[in-house]
Amino acid sequence: MKPAHRPPASNGHEPIVPPKSNRKDPLEYDKEKYKRRNVVKRLFRRLKAFRKVCTRYEKTNIMFLVVIQFAFIAI
């Protein structure tokens, strides 16, 4: 099994990696979880559109959290 398909043992997360379309015996994966993963990826893409979040101008963690909360409100 490739390293990308092996679940990380320390945090208990399950990888959701769809197999290549030309693979002879495709690996099983949960298609519903993959759809939800895509939603999360799109949310982070929209969040990174805010320049202050992407470059992190704020020096303190609390101010950075405030900027992230503002970005989520704007989204």
PDB file of N, CA and C in Angstrom:
ATOM      1  N   MET A   1       0.837  -1.177   0.000  1.00  0.00           N
ATOM      2  CA  MET A   1       0.000   0.000   0.000  1.00  0.00           C
ATOM      3  C   MET A   1       0.886   1.246   0.000  1.00  0.00           C
ATOM      4  N   LYS A   2       0.525   2.235  -0.790  1.00  0.00           N
ATOM      5  CA  LYS A   2       1.302   3.464  -0.878  1.00  0.00           C
ATOM      6  C   LYS A   2       1.163   4.263   0.421  1.00  0.00           C
ATOM      7  N   PRO A   3       2.151   5.096   0.745  1.00  0.00           N
ATOM      8  CA  PRO A   3       2.076   5.878   1.981  1.00  0.00           C
ATOM      9  C   PRO A   3       0.851   6.782   2.045  1.00  0.00           C
ATOM     10  N   ALA A   4       0.389   7.305   0.921  1.00  0.00           N
ATOM     11  CA  ALA A   4      -0.782   8.182   0.929  1.00  0.00           C
ATOM     12  C   ALA A   4      -2.053   7.424   1.280  1.00  0.00           C
ATOM     13  N   HIS A   5      -2.068   6.120   1.085  1.00  0.00           N
ATOM     14  CA  HIS A   5      -3.251   5.319   1.356  1.00  0.00           C
ATOM     15  C   HIS A   5      -3.247   4.722   2.757  1.00  0.00           C
ATOM     16  N   ARG A   6      -2.112   4.813   3.457  1.00  0.00           N
ATOM     17  CA  ARG A   6      -2.030   4.278   4.813  1.00  0.00           C
ATOM     18  C   ARG A   6      -2.563   5.297   5.804  1.00  0.00           C
ATOM     19  N   PRO A   7      -3.422   4.883   6.730  1.00  0.00           N
ATOM     20  CA  PRO A   7      -3.924   5.845   7.719  1.00  0.00           C
ATOM     21  C   PRO A   7      -2.850   6.205   8.736  1.00  0.00           C
ATOM     22  N   PRO A   8      -2.762   7.463   9.109  1.00  0.00           N
ATOM     23  CA  PRO A   8      -1.812   7.844  10.150  1.00  0.00           C
ATOM     24  C   PRO A   8      -2.235   7.234  11.480  1.00  0.00           C
ATOM     25  N   ALA A   9      -1.332   6.592  12.154  1.00  0.00           N
ATOM     26  CA  ALA A   9      -1.657   5.879  13.387  1.00  0.00           C
ATOM     27  C   ALA A   9      -1.842   6.826  14.563  1.00  0.00           C
ATOM     28  N   SER A  10      -1.167   7.944  14.562  1.00  0.00           N
ATOM     29  CA  SER A  10      -1.168   8.793  15.751  1.00  0.00           C
ATOM     30  C   SER A  10      -2.461   9.567  15.952  1.00  0.00           C
ATOM     31  N   ASN A  11      -3.117  10.014  14.893  1.00  0.00           N
ATOM     32  CA  ASN A  11      -4.283  10.866  15.083  1.00  0.00           C
ATOM     33  C   ASN A  11      -5.609  10.186  14.765  1.00  0.00           C
ATOM     34  N   GLY A  12      -5.596   8.990  14.275  1.00  0.00           N
ATOM     35  CA  GLY A  12      -6.830   8.250  14.055  1.00  0.00           C
ATOM     36  C   GLY A  12      -7.650   8.697  12.858  1.00  0.00           C
ATOM     37  N   HIS A  13      -7.092   9.478  11.961  1.00  0.00           N
ATOM     38  CA  HIS A  13      -7.825   9.912  10.776  1.00  0.00           C
ATOM     39  C   HIS A  13      -7.726   8.871   9.677  1.00  0.00           C
ATOM     40  N   GLU A  14      -8.758   8.835   8.864  1.00  0.00           N
ATOM     41  CA  GLU A  14      -8.802   7.887   7.749  1.00  0.00           C
ATOM     42  C   GLU A  14      -8.594   8.644   6.439  1.00  0.00           C
ATOM     43  N   PRO A  15      -7.623   8.257   5.629  1.00  0.00           N
ATOM     44  CA  PRO A  15      -7.416   8.965   4.366  1.00  0.00           C
ATOM     45  C   PRO A  15      -8.535   8.648   3.374  1.00  0.00           C
ATOM     46  N   ILE A  16      -8.900   9.648   2.601  1.00  0.00           N
ATOM     47  CA  ILE A  16      -9.925   9.466   1.573  1.00  0.00           C
ATOM     48  C   ILE A  16      -9.274   9.816   0.246  1.00  0.00           C
ATOM     49  N   VAL A  17      -8.661   8.822  -0.358  1.00  0.00           N
ATOM     50  CA  VAL A  17      -7.942   9.014  -1.613  1.00  0.00           C
ATOM     51  C   VAL A  17      -8.598   8.136  -2.667  1.00  0.00           C
ATOM     52  N   PRO A  18      -9.251   8.743  -3.665  1.00  0.00           N
ATOM     53  CA  PRO A  18      -9.857   7.912  -4.703  1.00  0.00           C
ATOM     54  C   PRO A  18      -8.787   7.255  -5.563  1.00  0.00           C
ATOM     55  N   PRO A  19      -9.061   6.063  -6.068  1.00  0.00           N
ATOM     56  CA  PRO A  19      -8.072   5.389  -6.909  1.00  0.00           C
ATOM     57  C   PRO A  19      -7.993   6.038  -8.289  1.00  0.00           C
ATOM     58  N   LYS A  20      -6.912   5.788  -8.983  1.00  0.00           N
ATOM     59  CA  LYS A  20      -6.785   6.270 -10.357  1.00  0.00           C
ATOM     60  C   LYS A  20      -7.847   5.590 -11.217  1.00  0.00           C
ATOM     61  N   SER A  21      -8.303   6.280 -12.228  1.00  0.00           N
ATOM     62  CA  SER A  21      -9.372   5.733 -13.064  1.00  0.00           C
ATOM     63  C   SER A  21      -8.909   4.552 -13.911  1.00  0.00           C
ATOM     64  N   ASN A  22      -7.605   4.443 -14.169  1.00  0.00           N
ATOM     65  CA  ASN A  22      -7.123   3.355 -15.017  1.00  0.00           C
ATOM     66  C   ASN A  22      -6.544   2.182 -14.212  1.00  0.00           C
ATOM     67  N   ARG A  23      -6.782   2.145 -12.921  1.00  0.00           N
ATOM     68  CA  ARG A  23      -6.265   1.061 -12.084  1.00  0.00           C
ATOM     69  C   ARG A  23      -7.077  -0.210 -12.327  1.00  0.00           C
ATOM     70  N   LYS A  24      -6.398  -1.351 -12.421  1.00  0.00           N
ATOM     71  CA  LYS A  24      -7.088  -2.612 -12.716  1.00  0.00           C
ATOM     72  C   LYS A  24      -8.009  -3.042 -11.586  1.00  0.00           C
ATOM     73  N   ASP A  25      -7.512  -3.022 -10.368  1.00  0.00           N
ATOM     74  CA  ASP A  25      -8.354  -3.374  -9.222  1.00  0.00           C
ATOM     75  C   ASP A  25      -8.393  -2.176  -8.271  1.00  0.00           C
ATOM     76  N   PRO A  26      -9.383  -1.288  -8.451  1.00  0.00           N
ATOM     77  CA  PRO A  26      -9.424  -0.043  -7.671  1.00  0.00           C
ATOM     78  C   PRO A  26      -9.640  -0.304  -6.178  1.00  0.00           C
ATOM     79  N   LEU A  27      -9.000   0.526  -5.363  1.00  0.00           N
ATOM     80  CA  LEU A  27      -9.168   0.447  -3.919  1.00  0.00           C
ATOM     81  C   LEU A  27     -10.530   1.012  -3.535  1.00  0.00           C
ATOM     82  N   GLU A  28     -11.067   0.500  -2.462  1.00  0.00           N
ATOM     83  CA  GLU A  28     -12.355   0.987  -1.972  1.00  0.00           C
ATOM     84  C   GLU A  28     -12.151   2.303  -1.220  1.00  0.00           C
ATOM     85  N   TYR A  29     -13.089   3.218  -1.375  1.00  0.00           N
ATOM     86  CA  TYR A  29     -13.093   4.455  -0.596  1.00  0.00           C
ATOM     87  C   TYR A  29     -14.536   4.904  -0.449  1.00  0.00           C
ATOM     88  N   ASP A  30     -14.802   5.679   0.585  1.00  0.00           N
ATOM     89  CA  ASP A  30     -16.154   6.141   0.877  1.00  0.00           C
ATOM     90  C   ASP A  30     -16.447   7.390   0.044  1.00  0.00           C
ATOM     91  N   LYS A  31     -17.356   7.274  -0.913  1.00  0.00           N
ATOM     92  CA  LYS A  31     -17.641   8.380  -1.829  1.00  0.00           C
ATOM     93  C   LYS A  31     -18.340   9.538  -1.122  1.00  0.00           C
ATOM     94  N   GLU A  32     -19.170   9.242  -0.124  1.00  0.00           N
ATOM     95  CA  GLU A  32     -19.858  10.306   0.611  1.00  0.00           C
ATOM     96  C   GLU A  32     -18.862  11.134   1.423  1.00  0.00           C
ATOM     97  N   LYS A  33     -17.901  10.468   2.045  1.00  0.00           N
ATOM     98  CA  LYS A  33     -16.872  11.199   2.791  1.00  0.00           C
ATOM     99  C   LYS A  33     -16.031  12.041   1.840  1.00  0.00           C
ATOM    100  N   TYR A  34     -15.784  11.524   0.652  1.00  0.00           N
ATOM    101  CA  TYR A  34     -14.994  12.276  -0.324  1.00  0.00           C
ATOM    102  C   TYR A  34     -15.739  13.540  -0.750  1.00  0.00           C
ATOM    103  N   LYS A  35     -17.051  13.465  -0.878  1.00  0.00           N
ATOM    104  CA  LYS A  35     -17.840  14.646  -1.222  1.00  0.00           C
ATOM    105  C   LYS A  35     -17.746  15.698  -0.119  1.00  0.00           C
ATOM    106  N   ARG A  36     -17.815  15.254   1.144  1.00  0.00           N
ATOM    107  CA  ARG A  36     -17.707  16.199   2.265  1.00  0.00           C
ATOM    108  C   ARG A  36     -16.302  16.794   2.339  1.00  0.00           C
ATOM    109  N   ARG A  37     -15.287  16.012   2.000  1.00  0.00           N
ATOM    110  CA  ARG A  37     -13.906  16.497   1.975  1.00  0.00           C
ATOM    111  C   ARG A  37     -13.772  17.624   0.963  1.00  0.00           C
ATOM    112  N   ASN A  38     -14.441  17.483  -0.161  1.00  0.00           N
ATOM    113  CA  ASN A  38     -14.409  18.508  -1.192  1.00  0.00           C
ATOM    114  C   ASN A  38     -15.040  19.807  -0.693  1.00  0.00           C
ATOM    115  N   VAL A  39     -16.092  19.710   0.086  1.00  0.00           N
ATOM    116  CA  VAL A  39     -16.736  20.900   0.642  1.00  0.00           C
ATOM    117  C   VAL A  39     -15.764  21.640   1.562  1.00  0.00           C
ATOM    118  N   VAL A  40     -15.038  20.898   2.373  1.00  0.00           N
ATOM    119  CA  VAL A  40     -14.068  21.506   3.285  1.00  0.00           C
ATOM    120  C   VAL A  40     -12.935  22.165   2.502  1.00  0.00           C
ATOM    121  N   LYS A  41     -12.461  21.507   1.453  1.00  0.00           N
ATOM    122  CA  LYS A  41     -11.391  22.087   0.631  1.00  0.00           C
ATOM    123  C   LYS A  41     -11.844  23.395  -0.013  1.00  0.00           C
ATOM    124  N   ARG A  42     -13.079  23.443  -0.488  1.00  0.00           N
ATOM    125  CA  ARG A  42     -13.587  24.674  -1.101  1.00  0.00           C
ATOM    126  C   ARG A  42     -13.719  25.786  -0.071  1.00  0.00           C
ATOM    127  N   LEU A  43     -14.109  25.424   1.171  1.00  0.00           N
ATOM    128  CA  LEU A  43     -14.214  26.419   2.234  1.00  0.00           C
ATOM    129  C   LEU A  43     -12.846  27.029   2.531  1.00  0.00           C
ATOM    130  N   PHE A  44     -11.803  26.202   2.613  1.00  0.00           N
ATOM    131  CA  PHE A  44     -10.459  26.725   2.860  1.00  0.00           C
ATOM    132  C   PHE A  44      -9.967  27.565   1.685  1.00  0.00           C
ATOM    133  N   ARG A  45     -10.356  27.211   0.474  1.00  0.00           N
ATOM    134  CA  ARG A  45      -9.968  28.014  -0.694  1.00  0.00           C
ATOM    135  C   ARG A  45     -10.586  29.407  -0.600  1.00  0.00           C
ATOM    136  N   ARG A  46     -11.866  29.473  -0.206  1.00  0.00           N
ATOM    137  CA  ARG A  46     -12.517  30.773  -0.052  1.00  0.00           C
ATOM    138  C   ARG A  46     -11.909  31.558   1.102  1.00  0.00           C
ATOM    139  N   LEU A  47     -11.540  30.857   2.170  1.00  0.00           N
ATOM    140  CA  LEU A  47     -10.928  31.517   3.319  1.00  0.00           C
ATOM    141  C   LEU A  47      -9.572  32.110   2.946  1.00  0.00           C
ATOM    142  N   LYS A  48      -8.802  31.405   2.122  1.00  0.00           N
ATOM    143  CA  LYS A  48      -7.481  31.888   1.720  1.00  0.00           C
ATOM    144  C   LYS A  48      -7.558  33.053   0.741  1.00  0.00           C
ATOM    145  N   ALA A  49      -8.739  33.345   0.223  1.00  0.00           N
ATOM    146  CA  ALA A  49      -8.893  34.493  -0.665  1.00  0.00           C
ATOM    147  C   ALA A  49      -8.735  35.801   0.106  1.00  0.00           C
ATOM    148  N   PHE A  50      -8.930  35.751   1.424  1.00  0.00           N
ATOM    149  CA  PHE A  50      -8.721  36.924   2.254  1.00  0.00           C
ATOM    150  C   PHE A  50      -7.218  37.079   2.487  1.00  0.00           C
ATOM    151  N   ARG A  51      -6.682  38.190   2.056  1.00  0.00           N
ATOM    152  CA  ARG A  51      -5.230  38.382   2.089  1.00  0.00           C
ATOM    153  C   ARG A  51      -4.671  38.344   3.509  1.00  0.00           C
ATOM    154  N   LYS A  52      -5.402  38.895   4.468  1.00  0.00           N
ATOM    155  CA  LYS A  52      -4.911  38.913   5.848  1.00  0.00           C
ATOM    156  C   LYS A  52      -4.814  37.509   6.422  1.00  0.00           C
ATOM    157  N   VAL A  53      -5.676  36.618   5.998  1.00  0.00           N
ATOM    158  CA  VAL A  53      -5.618  35.241   6.489  1.00  0.00           C
ATOM    159  C   VAL A  53      -4.480  34.505   5.809  1.00  0.00           C
ATOM    160  N   CYS A  54      -4.349  34.712   4.528  1.00  0.00           N
ATOM    161  CA  CYS A  54      -3.344  33.981   3.750  1.00  0.00           C
ATOM    162  C   CYS A  54      -1.918  34.347   4.159  1.00  0.00           C
ATOM    163  N   THR A  55      -1.673  35.631   4.413  1.00  0.00           N
ATOM    164  CA  THR A  55      -0.313  36.060   4.734  1.00  0.00           C
ATOM    165  C   THR A  55      -0.060  36.210   6.225  1.00  0.00           C
ATOM    166  N   ARG A  56      -1.095  36.234   7.018  1.00  0.00           N
ATOM    167  CA  ARG A  56      -1.029  36.371   8.477  1.00  0.00           C
ATOM    168  C   ARG A  56      -0.200  37.586   8.894  1.00  0.00           C
ATOM    169  N   TYR A  57      -0.804  38.749   8.754  1.00  0.00           N
ATOM    170  CA  TYR A  57      -0.157  39.987   9.172  1.00  0.00           C
ATOM    171  C   TYR A  57      -0.183  40.157  10.689  1.00  0.00           C
ATOM    172  N   GLU A  58      -1.170  39.584  11.358  1.00  0.00           N
ATOM    173  CA  GLU A  58      -1.310  39.758  12.797  1.00  0.00           C
ATOM    174  C   GLU A  58      -0.225  38.990  13.538  1.00  0.00           C
ATOM    175  N   LYS A  59       0.286  39.593  14.595  1.00  0.00           N
ATOM    176  CA  LYS A  59       1.367  38.965  15.345  1.00  0.00           C
ATOM    177  C   LYS A  59       0.846  38.070  16.458  1.00  0.00           C
ATOM    178  N   THR A  60      -0.292  38.403  17.026  1.00  0.00           N
ATOM    179  CA  THR A  60      -0.802  37.598  18.143  1.00  0.00           C
ATOM    180  C   THR A  60      -1.834  36.598  17.642  1.00  0.00           C
ATOM    181  N   ASN A  61      -1.929  35.503  18.354  1.00  0.00           N
ATOM    182  CA  ASN A  61      -2.875  34.451  17.970  1.00  0.00           C
ATOM    183  C   ASN A  61      -4.317  34.918  18.076  1.00  0.00           C
ATOM    184  N   ILE A  62      -4.628  35.708  19.093  1.00  0.00           N
ATOM    185  CA  ILE A  62      -6.011  36.145  19.283  1.00  0.00           C
ATOM    186  C   ILE A  62      -6.450  37.059  18.138  1.00  0.00           C
ATOM    187  N   MET A  63      -5.571  37.934  17.669  1.00  0.00           N
ATOM    188  CA  MET A  63      -5.937  38.809  16.557  1.00  0.00           C
ATOM    189  C   MET A  63      -6.091  38.017  15.261  1.00  0.00           C
ATOM    190  N   PHE A  64      -5.264  37.008  15.082  1.00  0.00           N
ATOM    191  CA  PHE A  64      -5.396  36.156  13.901  1.00  0.00           C
ATOM    192  C   PHE A  64      -6.727  35.410  13.939  1.00  0.00           C
ATOM    193  N   LEU A  65      -7.126  34.946  15.121  1.00  0.00           N
ATOM    194  CA  LEU A  65      -8.415  34.272  15.274  1.00  0.00           C
ATOM    195  C   LEU A  65      -9.567  35.215  14.945  1.00  0.00           C
ATOM    196  N   VAL A  66      -9.448  36.476  15.349  1.00  0.00           N
ATOM    197  CA  VAL A  66     -10.482  37.467  15.040  1.00  0.00           C
ATOM    198  C   VAL A  66     -10.593  37.662  13.527  1.00  0.00           C
ATOM    199  N   VAL A  67      -9.474  37.725  12.841  1.00  0.00           N
ATOM    200  CA  VAL A  67      -9.488  37.888  11.380  1.00  0.00           C
ATOM    201  C   VAL A  67     -10.135  36.676  10.717  1.00  0.00           C
ATOM    202  N   ILE A  68      -9.829  35.484  11.207  1.00  0.00           N
ATOM    203  CA  ILE A  68     -10.441  34.269  10.652  1.00  0.00           C
ATOM    204  C   ILE A  68     -11.946  34.272  10.887  1.00  0.00           C
ATOM    205  N   GLN A  69     -12.371  34.674  12.083  1.00  0.00           N
ATOM    206  CA  GLN A  69     -13.805  34.741  12.362  1.00  0.00           C
ATOM    207  C   GLN A  69     -14.489  35.758  11.454  1.00  0.00           C
ATOM    208  N   PHE A  70     -13.860  36.891  11.237  1.00  0.00           N
ATOM    209  CA  PHE A  70     -14.422  37.892  10.332  1.00  0.00           C
ATOM    210  C   PHE A  70     -14.543  37.340   8.912  1.00  0.00           C
ATOM    211  N   ALA A  71     -13.534  36.601   8.476  1.00  0.00           N
ATOM    212  CA  ALA A  71     -13.570  36.016   7.131  1.00  0.00           C
ATOM    213  C   ALA A  71     -14.708  35.010   7.010  1.00  0.00           C
ATOM    214  N   PHE A  72     -14.917  34.196   8.054  1.00  0.00           N
ATOM    215  CA  PHE A  72     -16.021  33.240   8.015  1.00  0.00           C
ATOM    216  C   PHE A  72     -17.368  33.954   7.982  1.00  0.00           C
ATOM    217  N   ILE A  73     -17.484  35.055   8.683  1.00  0.00           N
ATOM    218  CA  ILE A  73     -18.735  35.823   8.644  1.00  0.00           C
ATOM    219  C   ILE A  73     -18.959  36.377   7.242  1.00  0.00           C
ATOM    220  N   ALA A  74     -17.896  36.855   6.609  1.00  0.00           N
ATOM    221  CA  ALA A  74     -18.012  37.424   5.266  1.00  0.00           C
ATOM    222  C   ALA A  74     -18.328  36.363   4.215  1.00  0.00           C
ATOM    223  N   ILE A  75     -17.874  35.138   4.455  1.00  0.00           N
ATOM    224  CA  ILE A  75     -18.146  34.056   3.502  1.00  0.00           C
ATOM    225  C   ILE A  75     -19.601  33.698   3.618  1.00  0.00           C
TER     226      ILE A  75
END
